[in-house]
Amino acid sequence: MEGDVFSGFSNGTQIDGKVLQTFQKSFVQVQDILDQNRLLINEINQNHESKIPNNLSRNVGLIKELNNNIRRVVDLYADLSTSYTRSMEVSSEGDSSAGTFKSDGKATSQKRIR
């Protein structure tokens, strides 16, 4: 069933196994970080509600860890975006009806001339 998630990705374009493994690995990493963030946020909230000075000062480190985790998630999604763009460039080679990608990875549409 895991392979079914991406089997018809991007209008029927098949994604090769390596790209699929990269996506799955990245999504697992993201989910692990988000789960960790949930625990950090809960601890930060408990520390804040306790108003105990040591707990409040501990929040500084917890918030820094939370910010670093958010940075890691952003980086993982950026890597996923790059991987997806590259896989679409490869799969659309020779397909004149497909959009193209600029060197910055952004899609450009091909306009039909009348």
PDB file of N, CA and C in Angstrom:
ATOM      1  N   MET A   1       0.812  -1.191   0.000  1.00  0.00           N
ATOM      2  CA  MET A   1       0.000   0.000   0.000  1.00  0.00           C
ATOM      3  C   MET A   1       0.857   1.257   0.000  1.00  0.00           C
ATOM      4  N   GLU A   2       2.058   1.203   0.589  1.00  0.00           N
ATOM      5  CA  GLU A   2       2.906   2.382   0.618  1.00  0.00           C
ATOM      6  C   GLU A   2       3.222   2.880  -0.783  1.00  0.00           C
ATOM      7  N   GLY A   3       3.452   1.968  -1.711  1.00  0.00           N
ATOM      8  CA  GLY A   3       3.764   2.358  -3.075  1.00  0.00           C
ATOM      9  C   GLY A   3       2.595   3.000  -3.781  1.00  0.00           C
ATOM     10  N   ASP A   4       1.367   2.705  -3.316  1.00  0.00           N
ATOM     11  CA  ASP A   4       0.183   3.274  -3.934  1.00  0.00           C
ATOM     12  C   ASP A   4       0.093   4.781  -3.751  1.00  0.00           C
ATOM     13  N   VAL A   5       0.701   5.302  -2.702  1.00  0.00           N
ATOM     14  CA  VAL A   5       0.607   6.719  -2.411  1.00  0.00           C
ATOM     15  C   VAL A   5       1.141   7.545  -3.563  1.00  0.00           C
ATOM     16  N   PHE A   6       2.244   7.134  -4.147  1.00  0.00           N
ATOM     17  CA  PHE A   6       2.881   7.922  -5.195  1.00  0.00           C
ATOM     18  C   PHE A   6       2.798   7.273  -6.576  1.00  0.00           C
ATOM     19  N   SER A   7       2.083   6.165  -6.712  1.00  0.00           N
ATOM     20  CA  SER A   7       2.104   5.441  -7.988  1.00  0.00           C
ATOM     21  C   SER A   7       1.537   6.258  -9.143  1.00  0.00           C
ATOM     22  N   GLY A   8       0.549   7.097  -8.882  1.00  0.00           N
ATOM     23  CA  GLY A   8      -0.024   7.903  -9.943  1.00  0.00           C
ATOM     24  C   GLY A   8       0.284   9.370  -9.778  1.00  0.00           C
ATOM     25  N   PHE A   9       1.354   9.674  -9.119  1.00  0.00           N
ATOM     26  CA  PHE A   9       1.748  11.038  -8.799  1.00  0.00           C
ATOM     27  C   PHE A   9       1.946  11.853 -10.060  1.00  0.00           C
ATOM     28  N   SER A  10       1.569  13.093 -10.028  1.00  0.00           N
ATOM     29  CA  SER A  10       1.776  14.049 -11.109  1.00  0.00           C
ATOM     30  C   SER A  10       1.178  13.582 -12.426  1.00  0.00           C
ATOM     31  N   ASN A  11      -0.130  13.458 -12.451  1.00  0.00           N
ATOM     32  CA  ASN A  11      -0.872  13.142 -13.674  1.00  0.00           C
ATOM     33  C   ASN A  11      -0.398  11.858 -14.343  1.00  0.00           C
ATOM     34  N   GLY A  12      -0.190  10.821 -13.550  1.00  0.00           N
ATOM     35  CA  GLY A  12       0.154   9.525 -14.109  1.00  0.00           C
ATOM     36  C   GLY A  12       1.628   9.288 -14.316  1.00  0.00           C
ATOM     37  N   THR A  13       2.471  10.261 -14.064  1.00  0.00           N
ATOM     38  CA  THR A  13       3.903  10.073 -14.208  1.00  0.00           C
ATOM     39  C   THR A  13       4.383   9.144 -13.114  1.00  0.00           C
ATOM     40  N   GLN A  14       5.065   8.099 -13.478  1.00  0.00           N
ATOM     41  CA  GLN A  14       5.579   7.160 -12.499  1.00  0.00           C
ATOM     42  C   GLN A  14       6.855   7.724 -11.883  1.00  0.00           C
ATOM     43  N   ILE A  15       6.950   7.610 -10.569  1.00  0.00           N
ATOM     44  CA  ILE A  15       8.144   8.062  -9.865  1.00  0.00           C
ATOM     45  C   ILE A  15       8.990   6.834  -9.583  1.00  0.00           C
ATOM     46  N   ASP A  16      10.279   6.908  -9.889  1.00  0.00           N
ATOM     47  CA  ASP A  16      11.126   5.742  -9.681  1.00  0.00           C
ATOM     48  C   ASP A  16      11.311   5.452  -8.194  1.00  0.00           C
ATOM     49  N   GLY A  17      11.774   4.250  -7.900  1.00  0.00           N
ATOM     50  CA  GLY A  17      11.900   3.770  -6.532  1.00  0.00           C
ATOM     51  C   GLY A  17      12.803   4.617  -5.672  1.00  0.00           C
ATOM     52  N   LYS A  18      13.885   5.125  -6.244  1.00  0.00           N
ATOM     53  CA  LYS A  18      14.830   5.935  -5.477  1.00  0.00           C
ATOM     54  C   LYS A  18      14.179   7.223  -4.998  1.00  0.00           C
ATOM     55  N   VAL A  19      13.433   7.877  -5.872  1.00  0.00           N
ATOM     56  CA  VAL A  19      12.745   9.112  -5.505  1.00  0.00           C
ATOM     57  C   VAL A  19      11.680   8.820  -4.456  1.00  0.00           C
ATOM     58  N   LEU A  20      10.945   7.742  -4.642  1.00  0.00           N
ATOM     59  CA  LEU A  20       9.920   7.357  -3.685  1.00  0.00           C
ATOM     60  C   LEU A  20      10.525   7.093  -2.311  1.00  0.00           C
ATOM     61  N   GLN A  21      11.660   6.394  -2.275  1.00  0.00           N
ATOM     62  CA  GLN A  21      12.335   6.133  -1.002  1.00  0.00           C
ATOM     63  C   GLN A  21      12.785   7.434  -0.345  1.00  0.00           C
ATOM     64  N   THR A  22      13.270   8.367  -1.142  1.00  0.00           N
ATOM     65  CA  THR A  22      13.693   9.665  -0.612  1.00  0.00           C
ATOM     66  C   THR A  22      12.502  10.397  -0.005  1.00  0.00           C
ATOM     67  N   PHE A  23      11.365  10.399  -0.708  1.00  0.00           N
ATOM     68  CA  PHE A  23      10.161  11.051  -0.195  1.00  0.00           C
ATOM     69  C   PHE A  23       9.727  10.413   1.116  1.00  0.00           C
ATOM     70  N   GLN A  24       9.644   9.079   1.118  1.00  0.00           N
ATOM     71  CA  GLN A  24       9.182   8.388   2.312  1.00  0.00           C
ATOM     72  C   GLN A  24      10.115   8.635   3.492  1.00  0.00           C
ATOM     73  N   LYS A  25      11.411   8.587   3.255  1.00  0.00           N
ATOM     74  CA  LYS A  25      12.390   8.823   4.319  1.00  0.00           C
ATOM     75  C   LYS A  25      12.235  10.232   4.866  1.00  0.00           C
ATOM     76  N   SER A  26      12.092  11.203   3.978  1.00  0.00           N
ATOM     77  CA  SER A  26      11.953  12.591   4.413  1.00  0.00           C
ATOM     78  C   SER A  26      10.660  12.808   5.188  1.00  0.00           C
ATOM     79  N   PHE A  27       9.570  12.213   4.731  1.00  0.00           N
ATOM     80  CA  PHE A  27       8.300  12.370   5.436  1.00  0.00           C
ATOM     81  C   PHE A  27       8.344  11.730   6.817  1.00  0.00           C
ATOM     82  N   VAL A  28       9.032  10.611   6.949  1.00  0.00           N
ATOM     83  CA  VAL A  28       9.196   9.975   8.262  1.00  0.00           C
ATOM     84  C   VAL A  28      10.022  10.882   9.171  1.00  0.00           C
ATOM     85  N   GLN A  29      11.098  11.455   8.633  1.00  0.00           N
ATOM     86  CA  GLN A  29      11.922  12.372   9.424  1.00  0.00           C
ATOM     87  C   GLN A  29      11.110  13.582   9.881  1.00  0.00           C
ATOM     88  N   VAL A  30      10.331  14.146   8.975  1.00  0.00           N
ATOM     89  CA  VAL A  30       9.504  15.308   9.309  1.00  0.00           C
ATOM     90  C   VAL A  30       8.518  14.936  10.413  1.00  0.00           C
ATOM     91  N   GLN A  31       7.859  13.789  10.266  1.00  0.00           N
ATOM     92  CA  GLN A  31       6.879  13.383  11.273  1.00  0.00           C
ATOM     93  C   GLN A  31       7.530  13.168  12.632  1.00  0.00           C
ATOM     94  N   ASP A  32       8.724  12.580  12.652  1.00  0.00           N
ATOM     95  CA  ASP A  32       9.449  12.388  13.913  1.00  0.00           C
ATOM     96  C   ASP A  32       9.760  13.728  14.580  1.00  0.00           C
ATOM     97  N   ILE A  33      10.192  14.690  13.783  1.00  0.00           N
ATOM     98  CA  ILE A  33      10.514  16.008  14.326  1.00  0.00           C
ATOM     99  C   ILE A  33       9.247  16.691  14.843  1.00  0.00           C
ATOM    100  N   LEU A  34       8.145  16.581  14.090  1.00  0.00           N
ATOM    101  CA  LEU A  34       6.896  17.195  14.532  1.00  0.00           C
ATOM    102  C   LEU A  34       6.383  16.557  15.819  1.00  0.00           C
ATOM    103  N   ASP A  35       6.552  15.244  15.948  1.00  0.00           N
ATOM    104  CA  ASP A  35       6.177  14.568  17.198  1.00  0.00           C
ATOM    105  C   ASP A  35       7.017  15.077  18.356  1.00  0.00           C
ATOM    106  N   GLN A  36       8.317  15.252  18.106  1.00  0.00           N
ATOM    107  CA  GLN A  36       9.211  15.784  19.134  1.00  0.00           C
ATOM    108  C   GLN A  36       8.807  17.215  19.496  1.00  0.00           C
ATOM    109  N   ASN A  37       8.420  18.004  18.506  1.00  0.00           N
ATOM    110  CA  ASN A  37       7.988  19.378  18.758  1.00  0.00           C
ATOM    111  C   ASN A  37       6.744  19.418  19.633  1.00  0.00           C
ATOM    112  N   ARG A  38       5.828  18.486  19.407  1.00  0.00           N
ATOM    113  CA  ARG A  38       4.623  18.427  20.224  1.00  0.00           C
ATOM    114  C   ARG A  38       4.994  18.219  21.695  1.00  0.00           C
ATOM    115  N   LEU A  39       5.949  17.318  21.942  1.00  0.00           N
ATOM    116  CA  LEU A  39       6.394  17.074  23.318  1.00  0.00           C
ATOM    117  C   LEU A  39       7.086  18.302  23.902  1.00  0.00           C
ATOM    118  N   LEU A  40       7.915  18.951  23.085  1.00  0.00           N
ATOM    119  CA  LEU A  40       8.591  20.169  23.548  1.00  0.00           C
ATOM    120  C   LEU A  40       7.587  21.261  23.908  1.00  0.00           C
ATOM    121  N   ILE A  41       6.597  21.447  23.064  1.00  0.00           N
ATOM    122  CA  ILE A  41       5.586  22.481  23.305  1.00  0.00           C
ATOM    123  C   ILE A  41       4.808  22.175  24.581  1.00  0.00           C
ATOM    124  N   ASN A  42       4.464  20.913  24.790  1.00  0.00           N
ATOM    125  CA  ASN A  42       3.765  20.534  26.019  1.00  0.00           C
ATOM    126  C   ASN A  42       4.616  20.849  27.248  1.00  0.00           C
ATOM    127  N   GLU A  43       5.902  20.512  27.176  1.00  0.00           N
ATOM    128  CA  GLU A  43       6.787  20.789  28.314  1.00  0.00           C
ATOM    129  C   GLU A  43       6.965  22.290  28.532  1.00  0.00           C
ATOM    130  N   ILE A  44       7.086  23.031  27.445  1.00  0.00           N
ATOM    131  CA  ILE A  44       7.208  24.496  27.551  1.00  0.00           C
ATOM    132  C   ILE A  44       5.963  25.066  28.225  1.00  0.00           C
ATOM    133  N   ASN A  45       4.799  24.605  27.805  1.00  0.00           N
ATOM    134  CA  ASN A  45       3.543  25.095  28.404  1.00  0.00           C
ATOM    135  C   ASN A  45       3.452  24.750  29.885  1.00  0.00           C
ATOM    136  N   GLN A  46       3.824  23.533  30.245  1.00  0.00           N
ATOM    137  CA  GLN A  46       3.790  23.129  31.664  1.00  0.00           C
ATOM    138  C   GLN A  46       4.759  23.981  32.486  1.00  0.00           C
ATOM    139  N   ASN A  47       5.946  24.199  31.953  1.00  0.00           N
ATOM    140  CA  ASN A  47       6.928  25.028  32.648  1.00  0.00           C
ATOM    141  C   ASN A  47       6.419  26.460  32.825  1.00  0.00           C
ATOM    142  N   HIS A  48       5.775  26.964  31.796  1.00  0.00           N
ATOM    143  CA  HIS A  48       5.252  28.331  31.850  1.00  0.00           C
ATOM    144  C   HIS A  48       4.147  28.443  32.906  1.00  0.00           C
ATOM    145  N   GLU A  49       3.256  27.460  32.914  1.00  0.00           N
ATOM    146  CA  GLU A  49       2.150  27.482  33.874  1.00  0.00           C
ATOM    147  C   GLU A  49       2.633  27.316  35.312  1.00  0.00           C
ATOM    148  N   SER A  50       3.733  26.598  35.513  1.00  0.00           N
ATOM    149  CA  SER A  50       4.240  26.372  36.871  1.00  0.00           C
ATOM    150  C   SER A  50       4.814  27.646  37.490  1.00  0.00           C
ATOM    151  N   LYS A  51       5.312  28.544  36.660  1.00  0.00           N
ATOM    152  CA  LYS A  51       5.924  29.809  37.090  1.00  0.00           C
ATOM    153  C   LYS A  51       7.087  29.606  38.067  1.00  0.00           C
ATOM    154  N   ILE A  52       7.668  28.416  38.037  1.00  0.00           N
ATOM    155  CA  ILE A  52       8.846  28.131  38.851  1.00  0.00           C
ATOM    156  C   ILE A  52      10.063  28.658  38.081  1.00  0.00           C
ATOM    157  N   PRO A  53      10.902  29.473  38.736  1.00  0.00           N
ATOM    158  CA  PRO A  53      12.032  30.105  38.020  1.00  0.00           C
ATOM    159  C   PRO A  53      12.913  29.114  37.247  1.00  0.00           C
ATOM    160  N   ASN A  54      13.241  27.982  37.833  1.00  0.00           N
ATOM    161  CA  ASN A  54      14.086  27.009  37.118  1.00  0.00           C
ATOM    162  C   ASN A  54      13.397  26.468  35.867  1.00  0.00           C
ATOM    163  N   ASN A  55      12.095  26.233  35.979  1.00  0.00           N
ATOM    164  CA  ASN A  55      11.340  25.745  34.817  1.00  0.00           C
ATOM    165  C   ASN A  55      11.265  26.804  33.724  1.00  0.00           C
ATOM    166  N   LEU A  56      11.074  28.045  34.136  1.00  0.00           N
ATOM    167  CA  LEU A  56      11.005  29.137  33.160  1.00  0.00           C
ATOM    168  C   LEU A  56      12.343  29.338  32.453  1.00  0.00           C
ATOM    169  N   SER A  57      13.435  29.212  33.196  1.00  0.00           N
ATOM    170  CA  SER A  57      14.744  29.368  32.549  1.00  0.00           C
ATOM    171  C   SER A  57      15.046  28.169  31.645  1.00  0.00           C
ATOM    172  N   ARG A  58      14.525  26.998  31.998  1.00  0.00           N
ATOM    173  CA  ARG A  58      14.689  25.818  31.138  1.00  0.00           C
ATOM    174  C   ARG A  58      13.985  26.017  29.797  1.00  0.00           C
ATOM    175  N   ASN A  59      12.904  26.802  29.811  1.00  0.00           N
ATOM    176  CA  ASN A  59      12.164  27.053  28.570  1.00  0.00           C
ATOM    177  C   ASN A  59      13.020  27.711  27.495  1.00  0.00           C
ATOM    178  N   VAL A  60      13.999  28.485  27.901  1.00  0.00           N
ATOM    179  CA  VAL A  60      14.874  29.145  26.917  1.00  0.00           C
ATOM    180  C   VAL A  60      15.535  28.095  26.031  1.00  0.00           C
ATOM    181  N   GLY A  61      16.115  27.076  26.662  1.00  0.00           N
ATOM    182  CA  GLY A  61      16.750  26.003  25.891  1.00  0.00           C
ATOM    183  C   GLY A  61      15.756  25.197  25.082  1.00  0.00           C
ATOM    184  N   LEU A  62      14.569  24.957  25.665  1.00  0.00           N
ATOM    185  CA  LEU A  62      13.542  24.189  24.948  1.00  0.00           C
ATOM    186  C   LEU A  62      13.046  24.939  23.712  1.00  0.00           C
ATOM    187  N   ILE A  63      12.898  26.255  23.855  1.00  0.00           N
ATOM    188  CA  ILE A  63      12.446  27.063  22.715  1.00  0.00           C
ATOM    189  C   ILE A  63      13.516  27.101  21.625  1.00  0.00           C
ATOM    190  N   LYS A  64      14.780  27.163  22.001  1.00  0.00           N
ATOM    191  CA  LYS A  64      15.865  27.099  21.009  1.00  0.00           C
ATOM    192  C   LYS A  64      15.840  25.769  20.275  1.00  0.00           C
ATOM    193  N   GLU A  65      15.618  24.673  21.028  1.00  0.00           N
ATOM    194  CA  GLU A  65      15.529  23.346  20.403  1.00  0.00           C
ATOM    195  C   GLU A  65      14.340  23.291  19.444  1.00  0.00           C
ATOM    196  N   LEU A  66      13.219  23.864  19.854  1.00  0.00           N
ATOM    197  CA  LEU A  66      12.025  23.909  19.009  1.00  0.00           C
ATOM    198  C   LEU A  66      12.309  24.676  17.719  1.00  0.00           C
ATOM    199  N   ASN A  67      12.970  25.818  17.833  1.00  0.00           N
ATOM    200  CA  ASN A  67      13.315  26.611  16.646  1.00  0.00           C
ATOM    201  C   ASN A  67      14.250  25.847  15.708  1.00  0.00           C
ATOM    202  N   ASN A  68      15.231  25.142  16.281  1.00  0.00           N
ATOM    203  CA  ASN A  68      16.133  24.335  15.450  1.00  0.00           C
ATOM    204  C   ASN A  68      15.372  23.228  14.732  1.00  0.00           C
ATOM    205  N   ASN A  69      14.425  22.612  15.430  1.00  0.00           N
ATOM    206  CA  ASN A  69      13.618  21.566  14.808  1.00  0.00           C
ATOM    207  C   ASN A  69      12.791  22.118  13.650  1.00  0.00           C
ATOM    208  N   ILE A  70      12.249  23.302  13.843  1.00  0.00           N
ATOM    209  CA  ILE A  70      11.458  23.925  12.769  1.00  0.00           C
ATOM    210  C   ILE A  70      12.354  24.199  11.562  1.00  0.00           C
ATOM    211  N   ARG A  71      13.573  24.660  11.810  1.00  0.00           N
ATOM    212  CA  ARG A  71      14.534  24.875  10.719  1.00  0.00           C
ATOM    213  C   ARG A  71      14.813  23.576   9.967  1.00  0.00           C
ATOM    214  N   ARG A  72      14.960  22.485  10.732  1.00  0.00           N
ATOM    215  CA  ARG A  72      15.218  21.181  10.101  1.00  0.00           C
ATOM    216  C   ARG A  72      14.045  20.753   9.224  1.00  0.00           C
ATOM    217  N   VAL A  73      12.815  20.988   9.688  1.00  0.00           N
ATOM    218  CA  VAL A  73      11.632  20.643   8.893  1.00  0.00           C
ATOM    219  C   VAL A  73      11.610  21.458   7.604  1.00  0.00           C
ATOM    220  N   VAL A  74      11.898  22.745   7.704  1.00  0.00           N
ATOM    221  CA  VAL A  74      11.939  23.605   6.510  1.00  0.00           C
ATOM    222  C   VAL A  74      12.988  23.082   5.523  1.00  0.00           C
ATOM    223  N   ASP A  75      14.158  22.715   6.031  1.00  0.00           N
ATOM    224  CA  ASP A  75      15.212  22.183   5.166  1.00  0.00           C
ATOM    225  C   ASP A  75      14.786  20.879   4.503  1.00  0.00           C
ATOM    226  N   LEU A  76      14.131  20.005   5.261  1.00  0.00           N
ATOM    227  CA  LEU A  76      13.667  18.737   4.685  1.00  0.00           C
ATOM    228  C   LEU A  76      12.645  18.983   3.582  1.00  0.00           C
ATOM    229  N   TYR A  77      11.710  19.908   3.808  1.00  0.00           N
ATOM    230  CA  TYR A  77      10.727  20.213   2.767  1.00  0.00           C
ATOM    231  C   TYR A  77      11.391  20.866   1.551  1.00  0.00           C
ATOM    232  N   ALA A  78      12.401  21.675   1.761  1.00  0.00           N
ATOM    233  CA  ALA A  78      13.132  22.272   0.636  1.00  0.00           C
ATOM    234  C   ALA A  78      13.825  21.182  -0.172  1.00  0.00           C
ATOM    235  N   ASP A  79      14.438  20.223   0.520  1.00  0.00           N
ATOM    236  CA  ASP A  79      15.081  19.103  -0.169  1.00  0.00           C
ATOM    237  C   ASP A  79      14.055  18.275  -0.940  1.00  0.00           C
ATOM    238  N   LEU A  80      12.877  18.067  -0.343  1.00  0.00           N
ATOM    239  CA  LEU A  80      11.811  17.334  -1.032  1.00  0.00           C
ATOM    240  C   LEU A  80      11.380  18.065  -2.296  1.00  0.00           C
ATOM    241  N   SER A  81      11.243  19.368  -2.184  1.00  0.00           N
ATOM    242  CA  SER A  81      10.845  20.167  -3.338  1.00  0.00           C
ATOM    243  C   SER A  81      11.865  20.048  -4.466  1.00  0.00           C
ATOM    244  N   THR A  82      13.137  20.109  -4.103  1.00  0.00           N
ATOM    245  CA  THR A  82      14.205  19.975  -5.092  1.00  0.00           C
ATOM    246  C   THR A  82      14.175  18.590  -5.730  1.00  0.00           C
ATOM    247  N   SER A  83      14.007  17.559  -4.914  1.00  0.00           N
ATOM    248  CA  SER A  83      13.954  16.194  -5.439  1.00  0.00           C
ATOM    249  C   SER A  83      12.778  16.020  -6.387  1.00  0.00           C
ATOM    250  N   TYR A  84      11.628  16.564  -6.003  1.00  0.00           N
ATOM    251  CA  TYR A  84      10.442  16.454  -6.848  1.00  0.00           C
ATOM    252  C   TYR A  84      10.660  17.180  -8.174  1.00  0.00           C
ATOM    253  N   THR A  85      11.206  18.384  -8.098  1.00  0.00           N
ATOM    254  CA  THR A  85      11.452  19.158  -9.314  1.00  0.00           C
ATOM    255  C   THR A  85      12.391  18.408 -10.248  1.00  0.00           C
ATOM    256  N   ARG A  86      13.455  17.851  -9.702  1.00  0.00           N
ATOM    257  CA  ARG A  86      14.405  17.101 -10.539  1.00  0.00           C
ATOM    258  C   ARG A  86      13.744  15.874 -11.154  1.00  0.00           C
ATOM    259  N   SER A  87      12.917  15.183 -10.371  1.00  0.00           N
ATOM    260  CA  SER A  87      12.267  13.982 -10.915  1.00  0.00           C
ATOM    261  C   SER A  87      11.288  14.354 -12.024  1.00  0.00           C
ATOM    262  N   MET A  88      10.639  15.506 -11.898  1.00  0.00           N
ATOM    263  CA  MET A  88       9.706  15.937 -12.931  1.00  0.00           C
ATOM    264  C   MET A  88      10.451  16.404 -14.168  1.00  0.00           C
ATOM    265  N   GLU A  89      11.622  17.002 -13.986  1.00  0.00           N
ATOM    266  CA  GLU A  89      12.434  17.401 -15.139  1.00  0.00           C
ATOM    267  C   GLU A  89      12.836  16.180 -15.937  1.00  0.00           C
ATOM    268  N   VAL A  90      13.257  15.140 -15.243  1.00  0.00           N
ATOM    269  CA  VAL A  90      13.686  13.914 -15.904  1.00  0.00           C
ATOM    270  C   VAL A  90      12.505  13.245 -16.595  1.00  0.00           C
ATOM    271  N   SER A  91      11.355  13.164 -15.900  1.00  0.00           N
ATOM    272  CA  SER A  91      10.205  12.458 -16.472  1.00  0.00           C
ATOM    273  C   SER A  91       9.544  13.229 -17.601  1.00  0.00           C
ATOM    274  N   SER A  92       9.746  14.560 -17.649  1.00  0.00           N
ATOM    275  CA  SER A  92       9.086  15.337 -18.697  1.00  0.00           C
ATOM    276  C   SER A  92       9.981  15.590 -19.905  1.00  0.00           C
ATOM    277  N   GLU A  93      11.216  15.087 -19.875  1.00  0.00           N
ATOM    278  CA  GLU A  93      12.081  15.268 -21.035  1.00  0.00           C
ATOM    279  C   GLU A  93      11.440  14.599 -22.248  1.00  0.00           C
ATOM    280  N   GLY A  94      11.362  15.340 -23.310  1.00  0.00           N
ATOM    281  CA  GLY A  94      10.774  14.795 -24.520  1.00  0.00           C
ATOM    282  C   GLY A  94       9.264  14.931 -24.575  1.00  0.00           C
ATOM    283  N   ASP A  95       8.640  15.396 -23.515  1.00  0.00           N
ATOM    284  CA  ASP A  95       7.189  15.589 -23.497  1.00  0.00           C
ATOM    285  C   ASP A  95       6.920  17.053 -23.791  1.00  0.00           C
ATOM    286  N   SER A  96       6.554  17.365 -25.025  1.00  0.00           N
ATOM    287  CA  SER A  96       6.400  18.760 -25.426  1.00  0.00           C
ATOM    288  C   SER A  96       5.190  19.417 -24.795  1.00  0.00           C
ATOM    289  N   SER A  97       4.237  18.625 -24.262  1.00  0.00           N
ATOM    290  CA  SER A  97       3.056  19.240 -23.659  1.00  0.00           C
ATOM    291  C   SER A  97       3.266  19.586 -22.201  1.00  0.00           C
ATOM    292  N   ALA A  98       4.362  19.149 -21.614  1.00  0.00           N
ATOM    293  CA  ALA A  98       4.606  19.407 -20.196  1.00  0.00           C
ATOM    294  C   ALA A  98       5.202  20.790 -20.005  1.00  0.00           C
ATOM    295  N   GLY A  99       5.029  21.349 -18.813  1.00  0.00           N
ATOM    296  CA  GLY A  99       5.650  22.613 -18.463  1.00  0.00           C
ATOM    297  C   GLY A  99       7.136  22.410 -18.298  1.00  0.00           C
ATOM    298  N   THR A 100       7.852  23.477 -18.309  1.00  0.00           N
ATOM    299  CA  THR A 100       9.298  23.394 -18.110  1.00  0.00           C
ATOM    300  C   THR A 100       9.655  24.033 -16.787  1.00  0.00           C
ATOM    301  N   PHE A 101      10.894  23.858 -16.374  1.00  0.00           N
ATOM    302  CA  PHE A 101      11.358  24.424 -15.127  1.00  0.00           C
ATOM    303  C   PHE A 101      12.534  25.334 -15.400  1.00  0.00           C
ATOM    304  N   LYS A 102      12.518  26.488 -14.751  1.00  0.00           N
ATOM    305  CA  LYS A 102      13.651  27.400 -14.831  1.00  0.00           C
ATOM    306  C   LYS A 102      14.779  26.841 -13.976  1.00  0.00           C
ATOM    307  N   SER A 103      15.934  27.451 -14.066  1.00  0.00           N
ATOM    308  CA  SER A 103      17.077  26.987 -13.289  1.00  0.00           C
ATOM    309  C   SER A 103      16.843  27.146 -11.789  1.00  0.00           C
ATOM    310  N   ASP A 104      15.902  28.015 -11.375  1.00  0.00           N
ATOM    311  CA  ASP A 104      15.617  28.176  -9.949  1.00  0.00           C
ATOM    312  C   ASP A 104      14.597  27.160  -9.457  1.00  0.00           C
ATOM    313  N   GLY A 105      14.155  26.248 -10.337  1.00  0.00           N
ATOM    314  CA  GLY A 105      13.249  25.186  -9.936  1.00  0.00           C
ATOM    315  C   GLY A 105      11.779  25.549 -10.039  1.00  0.00           C
ATOM    316  N   LYS A 106      11.454  26.769 -10.446  1.00  0.00           N
ATOM    317  CA  LYS A 106      10.055  27.170 -10.540  1.00  0.00           C
ATOM    318  C   LYS A 106       9.502  26.786 -11.911  1.00  0.00           C
ATOM    319  N   ALA A 107       8.274  26.330 -11.899  1.00  0.00           N
ATOM    320  CA  ALA A 107       7.640  25.896 -13.141  1.00  0.00           C
ATOM    321  C   ALA A 107       7.276  27.095 -13.997  1.00  0.00           C
ATOM    322  N   THR A 108       7.386  26.905 -15.292  1.00  0.00           N
ATOM    323  CA  THR A 108       6.915  27.906 -16.234  1.00  0.00           C
ATOM    324  C   THR A 108       5.958  27.190 -17.178  1.00  0.00           C
ATOM    325  N   SER A 109       4.923  27.856 -17.550  1.00  0.00           N
ATOM    326  CA  SER A 109       3.986  27.224 -18.465  1.00  0.00           C
ATOM    327  C   SER A 109       4.361  27.595 -19.890  1.00  0.00           C
ATOM    328  N   GLN A 110       4.069  26.674 -20.782  1.00  0.00           N
ATOM    329  CA  GLN A 110       4.310  26.952 -22.183  1.00  0.00           C
ATOM    330  C   GLN A 110       2.984  27.445 -22.770  1.00  0.00           C
ATOM    331  N   LYS A 111       3.007  28.638 -23.353  1.00  0.00           N
ATOM    332  CA  LYS A 111       1.797  29.222 -23.898  1.00  0.00           C
ATOM    333  C   LYS A 111       1.558  28.693 -25.307  1.00  0.00           C
ATOM    334  N   ARG A 112       0.293  28.454 -25.583  1.00  0.00           N
ATOM    335  CA  ARG A 112      -0.070  27.979 -26.903  1.00  0.00           C
ATOM    336  C   ARG A 112      -0.172  29.182 -27.837  1.00  0.00           C
ATOM    337  N   ILE A 113       0.435  29.059 -29.000  1.00  0.00           N
ATOM    338  CA  ILE A 113       0.423  30.141 -29.975  1.00  0.00           C
ATOM    339  C   ILE A 113      -0.722  29.880 -30.937  1.00  0.00           C
ATOM    340  N   ARG A 114      -1.539  30.906 -31.163  1.00  0.00           N
ATOM    341  CA  ARG A 114      -2.701  30.756 -32.060  1.00  0.00           C
ATOM    342  C   ARG A 114      -2.385  31.235 -33.434  1.00  0.00           C
TER     343      ARG A 114
END
